[in-house]
Amino acid sequence: MTGHLLHRAMDPEYPASVSRKMTTEHIRGELGFTGLVITDSLDMGALRKRYSLPKAMGLALDAGADFVMHACNSPLGETAEDVARAIDMLARH
């Protein structure tokens, strides 16, 4: 599971859960991990202060995550329907 920490030495721009450098290059490449990569919940403040839900989902998948998680307990009040709309928006792009 990737977390939302920002490790400036590895990727000064993106938190680990949405970082291609961290997920694809480091975890899969350098460490040789071949299992499933799952993000921590995308409704956490560390990400949602920076990215919309569809943007965070897209970045995580582009980074190499196999699954993105959303706990539907965001202080933003997002519901399962909001997550479904975000998935639909992402699929259309």
N, C-alpha and C. Protein backbone atom coordinates (compact mmCIF):
# COMPACT_ATOMS: atom_id res chain seq x y z
N MET A 1 0.85 -1.17 0.00
CA MET A 1 0.00 0.00 0.00
C MET A 1 0.90 1.24 0.00
N THR A 2 0.61 2.13 -0.90
CA THR A 2 1.34 3.39 -0.94
C THR A 2 0.62 4.42 -0.09
N GLY A 3 1.39 5.26 0.58
CA GLY A 3 0.84 6.33 1.39
C GLY A 3 0.98 7.65 0.68
N HIS A 4 0.54 8.69 1.31
CA HIS A 4 0.51 10.01 0.68
C HIS A 4 1.67 10.90 1.11
N LEU A 5 2.74 10.29 1.61
CA LEU A 5 3.86 11.10 2.05
C LEU A 5 4.63 11.66 0.85
N LEU A 6 5.21 12.81 1.04
CA LEU A 6 6.02 13.44 0.01
C LEU A 6 7.48 13.23 0.38
N HIS A 7 8.16 12.41 -0.39
CA HIS A 7 9.58 12.11 -0.15
C HIS A 7 10.36 12.92 -1.19
N ARG A 8 10.77 14.11 -0.80
CA ARG A 8 11.37 15.05 -1.75
C ARG A 8 12.62 14.51 -2.45
N ALA A 9 13.36 13.63 -1.80
CA ALA A 9 14.57 13.07 -2.43
C ALA A 9 14.22 12.12 -3.57
N MET A 10 13.05 11.50 -3.50
CA MET A 10 12.65 10.55 -4.55
C MET A 10 11.77 11.21 -5.60
N ASP A 11 10.87 12.07 -5.16
CA ASP A 11 9.99 12.80 -6.08
C ASP A 11 9.57 14.09 -5.39
N PRO A 12 10.18 15.20 -5.78
CA PRO A 12 9.89 16.46 -5.11
C PRO A 12 8.51 17.04 -5.42
N GLU A 13 7.82 16.47 -6.40
CA GLU A 13 6.55 17.05 -6.83
C GLU A 13 5.32 16.29 -6.34
N TYR A 14 5.36 14.96 -6.39
CA TYR A 14 4.17 14.16 -6.12
C TYR A 14 4.30 13.29 -4.87
N PRO A 15 3.22 13.20 -4.07
CA PRO A 15 3.20 12.25 -2.96
C PRO A 15 3.32 10.82 -3.49
N ALA A 16 3.83 9.92 -2.67
CA ALA A 16 4.13 8.56 -3.10
C ALA A 16 2.96 7.86 -3.79
N SER A 17 1.75 8.04 -3.29
CA SER A 17 0.60 7.32 -3.85
C SER A 17 0.25 7.75 -5.27
N VAL A 18 0.72 8.90 -5.71
CA VAL A 18 0.43 9.37 -7.07
C VAL A 18 1.72 9.63 -7.85
N SER A 19 2.81 9.07 -7.38
CA SER A 19 4.12 9.30 -7.99
C SER A 19 4.58 8.12 -8.84
N ARG A 20 4.77 8.36 -10.10
CA ARG A 20 5.31 7.32 -10.99
C ARG A 20 6.73 6.94 -10.58
N LYS A 21 7.49 7.93 -10.14
CA LYS A 21 8.87 7.66 -9.69
C LYS A 21 8.86 6.68 -8.52
N MET A 22 7.91 6.84 -7.61
CA MET A 22 7.86 5.97 -6.43
C MET A 22 7.25 4.60 -6.78
N THR A 23 6.09 4.60 -7.43
CA THR A 23 5.38 3.35 -7.67
C THR A 23 6.03 2.50 -8.75
N THR A 24 6.21 3.07 -9.92
CA THR A 24 6.72 2.29 -11.04
C THR A 24 8.24 2.14 -11.00
N GLU A 25 8.93 3.26 -10.86
CA GLU A 25 10.39 3.20 -10.92
C GLU A 25 11.01 2.56 -9.68
N HIS A 26 10.55 2.96 -8.49
CA HIS A 26 11.19 2.45 -7.27
C HIS A 26 10.60 1.12 -6.81
N ILE A 27 9.31 1.10 -6.53
CA ILE A 27 8.70 -0.12 -5.97
C ILE A 27 8.76 -1.28 -6.95
N ARG A 28 8.34 -1.03 -8.18
CA ARG A 28 8.32 -2.12 -9.16
C ARG A 28 9.70 -2.34 -9.79
N GLY A 29 10.40 -1.26 -10.14
CA GLY A 29 11.68 -1.37 -10.82
C GLY A 29 12.83 -1.73 -9.90
N GLU A 30 13.19 -0.81 -9.03
CA GLU A 30 14.36 -1.02 -8.16
C GLU A 30 14.16 -2.14 -7.14
N LEU A 31 12.97 -2.20 -6.54
CA LEU A 31 12.72 -3.23 -5.54
C LEU A 31 12.24 -4.55 -6.14
N GLY A 32 11.77 -4.51 -7.39
CA GLY A 32 11.31 -5.72 -8.08
C GLY A 32 9.99 -6.26 -7.58
N PHE A 33 9.17 -5.42 -6.95
CA PHE A 33 7.87 -5.85 -6.43
C PHE A 33 6.94 -6.17 -7.58
N THR A 34 6.33 -7.36 -7.57
CA THR A 34 5.43 -7.78 -8.65
C THR A 34 3.99 -7.97 -8.19
N GLY A 35 3.73 -7.68 -6.93
CA GLY A 35 2.37 -7.83 -6.40
C GLY A 35 1.50 -6.64 -6.74
N LEU A 36 0.33 -6.62 -6.16
CA LEU A 36 -0.62 -5.52 -6.38
C LEU A 36 -0.22 -4.30 -5.55
N VAL A 37 -0.33 -3.15 -6.17
CA VAL A 37 -0.09 -1.89 -5.47
C VAL A 37 -1.44 -1.21 -5.26
N ILE A 38 -1.73 -0.91 -4.00
CA ILE A 38 -2.99 -0.29 -3.60
C ILE A 38 -2.66 1.04 -2.94
N THR A 39 -3.41 2.07 -3.26
CA THR A 39 -3.19 3.37 -2.62
C THR A 39 -3.88 3.41 -1.26
N ASP A 40 -3.41 4.27 -0.41
CA ASP A 40 -4.16 4.61 0.78
C ASP A 40 -5.40 5.37 0.30
N SER A 41 -6.32 5.63 1.18
CA SER A 41 -7.57 6.25 0.78
C SER A 41 -7.34 7.62 0.14
N LEU A 42 -7.89 7.79 -1.04
CA LEU A 42 -7.70 9.04 -1.79
C LEU A 42 -8.52 10.20 -1.25
N ASP A 43 -9.33 9.96 -0.22
CA ASP A 43 -10.10 11.06 0.35
C ASP A 43 -9.38 11.73 1.53
N MET A 44 -8.14 11.35 1.75
CA MET A 44 -7.38 11.95 2.85
C MET A 44 -6.90 13.35 2.48
N GLY A 45 -6.81 14.20 3.47
CA GLY A 45 -6.49 15.61 3.26
C GLY A 45 -5.19 15.86 2.53
N ALA A 46 -4.18 15.01 2.75
CA ALA A 46 -2.88 15.22 2.11
C ALA A 46 -3.01 15.27 0.58
N LEU A 47 -3.93 14.50 0.04
CA LEU A 47 -4.14 14.53 -1.41
C LEU A 47 -5.23 15.51 -1.81
N ARG A 48 -6.33 15.49 -1.07
CA ARG A 48 -7.48 16.27 -1.50
C ARG A 48 -7.28 17.77 -1.37
N LYS A 49 -6.29 18.19 -0.61
CA LYS A 49 -5.97 19.61 -0.56
C LYS A 49 -5.28 20.05 -1.85
N ARG A 50 -4.72 19.08 -2.57
CA ARG A 50 -3.97 19.37 -3.80
C ARG A 50 -4.70 19.00 -5.08
N TYR A 51 -5.52 17.92 -5.02
CA TYR A 51 -6.11 17.36 -6.24
C TYR A 51 -7.59 17.06 -6.06
N SER A 52 -8.34 17.20 -7.13
CA SER A 52 -9.72 16.75 -7.12
C SER A 52 -9.71 15.22 -7.09
N LEU A 53 -10.84 14.62 -6.78
CA LEU A 53 -10.91 13.16 -6.73
C LEU A 53 -10.58 12.53 -8.08
N PRO A 54 -11.17 12.98 -9.20
CA PRO A 54 -10.80 12.36 -10.49
C PRO A 54 -9.31 12.54 -10.81
N LYS A 55 -8.74 13.70 -10.48
CA LYS A 55 -7.32 13.95 -10.74
C LYS A 55 -6.45 13.00 -9.90
N ALA A 56 -6.77 12.86 -8.62
CA ALA A 56 -6.00 11.97 -7.74
C ALA A 56 -6.09 10.53 -8.24
N MET A 57 -7.28 10.11 -8.65
CA MET A 57 -7.45 8.75 -9.17
C MET A 57 -6.61 8.55 -10.42
N GLY A 58 -6.68 9.49 -11.33
CA GLY A 58 -5.92 9.39 -12.58
C GLY A 58 -4.42 9.37 -12.34
N LEU A 59 -3.95 10.24 -11.46
CA LEU A 59 -2.52 10.26 -11.15
C LEU A 59 -2.06 8.94 -10.54
N ALA A 60 -2.85 8.39 -9.62
CA ALA A 60 -2.49 7.13 -8.97
C ALA A 60 -2.42 5.98 -9.98
N LEU A 61 -3.40 5.91 -10.85
CA LEU A 61 -3.41 4.85 -11.87
C LEU A 61 -2.27 5.05 -12.86
N ASP A 62 -2.03 6.28 -13.27
CA ASP A 62 -0.91 6.57 -14.17
C ASP A 62 0.44 6.27 -13.52
N ALA A 63 0.50 6.41 -12.21
CA ALA A 63 1.73 6.13 -11.48
C ALA A 63 2.04 4.64 -11.43
N GLY A 64 0.99 3.82 -11.63
CA GLY A 64 1.19 2.37 -11.62
C GLY A 64 0.41 1.62 -10.58
N ALA A 65 -0.46 2.31 -9.84
CA ALA A 65 -1.30 1.62 -8.85
C ALA A 65 -2.27 0.69 -9.57
N ASP A 66 -2.52 -0.46 -8.96
CA ASP A 66 -3.49 -1.41 -9.50
C ASP A 66 -4.90 -1.11 -8.98
N PHE A 67 -4.96 -0.64 -7.74
CA PHE A 67 -6.24 -0.30 -7.10
C PHE A 67 -6.10 1.04 -6.43
N VAL A 68 -7.17 1.84 -6.50
CA VAL A 68 -7.23 3.07 -5.73
C VAL A 68 -8.34 2.91 -4.69
N MET A 69 -8.08 3.39 -3.51
CA MET A 69 -9.04 3.23 -2.42
C MET A 69 -9.64 4.58 -2.07
N HIS A 70 -10.92 4.56 -1.73
CA HIS A 70 -11.62 5.73 -1.23
C HIS A 70 -12.52 5.25 -0.11
N ALA A 71 -12.33 5.76 1.08
CA ALA A 71 -13.05 5.26 2.26
C ALA A 71 -14.42 5.91 2.46
N CYS A 72 -14.75 6.92 1.67
CA CYS A 72 -16.04 7.63 1.81
C CYS A 72 -16.24 8.18 3.22
N ASN A 73 -15.17 8.62 3.84
CA ASN A 73 -15.29 9.28 5.14
C ASN A 73 -14.58 10.62 5.13
N SER A 74 -14.54 11.21 3.97
CA SER A 74 -13.86 12.49 3.78
C SER A 74 -14.58 13.61 4.51
N PRO A 75 -13.83 14.56 5.05
CA PRO A 75 -14.47 15.74 5.62
C PRO A 75 -15.18 16.56 4.53
N LEU A 76 -14.89 16.22 3.27
CA LEU A 76 -15.57 16.90 2.17
C LEU A 76 -16.97 16.35 1.96
N GLY A 77 -17.30 15.26 2.65
CA GLY A 77 -18.64 14.69 2.57
C GLY A 77 -18.89 13.87 1.32
N GLU A 78 -17.87 13.38 0.68
CA GLU A 78 -18.05 12.59 -0.53
C GLU A 78 -18.74 11.27 -0.21
N THR A 79 -19.59 10.86 -1.11
CA THR A 79 -20.35 9.62 -0.94
C THR A 79 -19.90 8.61 -2.00
N ALA A 80 -20.43 7.41 -1.91
CA ALA A 80 -20.14 6.39 -2.91
C ALA A 80 -20.58 6.87 -4.29
N GLU A 81 -21.65 7.63 -4.35
CA GLU A 81 -22.12 8.16 -5.64
C GLU A 81 -21.11 9.15 -6.22
N ASP A 82 -20.49 9.95 -5.36
CA ASP A 82 -19.46 10.88 -5.82
C ASP A 82 -18.27 10.12 -6.39
N VAL A 83 -17.91 9.03 -5.74
CA VAL A 83 -16.81 8.20 -6.22
C VAL A 83 -17.18 7.59 -7.57
N ALA A 84 -18.40 7.12 -7.71
CA ALA A 84 -18.86 6.54 -8.99
C ALA A 84 -18.81 7.59 -10.09
N ARG A 85 -19.21 8.82 -9.79
CA ARG A 85 -19.14 9.90 -10.79
C ARG A 85 -17.69 10.19 -11.17
N ALA A 86 -16.79 10.17 -10.20
CA ALA A 86 -15.36 10.41 -10.48
C ALA A 86 -14.81 9.31 -11.38
N ILE A 87 -15.19 8.07 -11.12
CA ILE A 87 -14.75 6.95 -11.96
C ILE A 87 -15.28 7.14 -13.38
N ASP A 88 -16.54 7.55 -13.49
CA ASP A 88 -17.13 7.77 -14.82
C ASP A 88 -16.40 8.90 -15.55
N MET A 89 -16.10 10.00 -14.84
CA MET A 89 -15.36 11.11 -15.46
C MET A 89 -13.99 10.65 -15.92
N LEU A 90 -13.33 9.88 -15.10
CA LEU A 90 -12.00 9.38 -15.43
C LEU A 90 -12.04 8.47 -16.65
N ALA A 91 -13.05 7.61 -16.71
CA ALA A 91 -13.17 6.66 -17.83
C ALA A 91 -13.44 7.38 -19.15
N ARG A 92 -14.06 8.55 -19.08
CA ARG A 92 -14.38 9.30 -20.31
C ARG A 92 -13.17 10.05 -20.87
N HIS A 93 -12.12 10.20 -20.10
CA HIS A 93 -10.96 10.98 -20.56
C HIS A 93 -9.87 10.10 -21.07
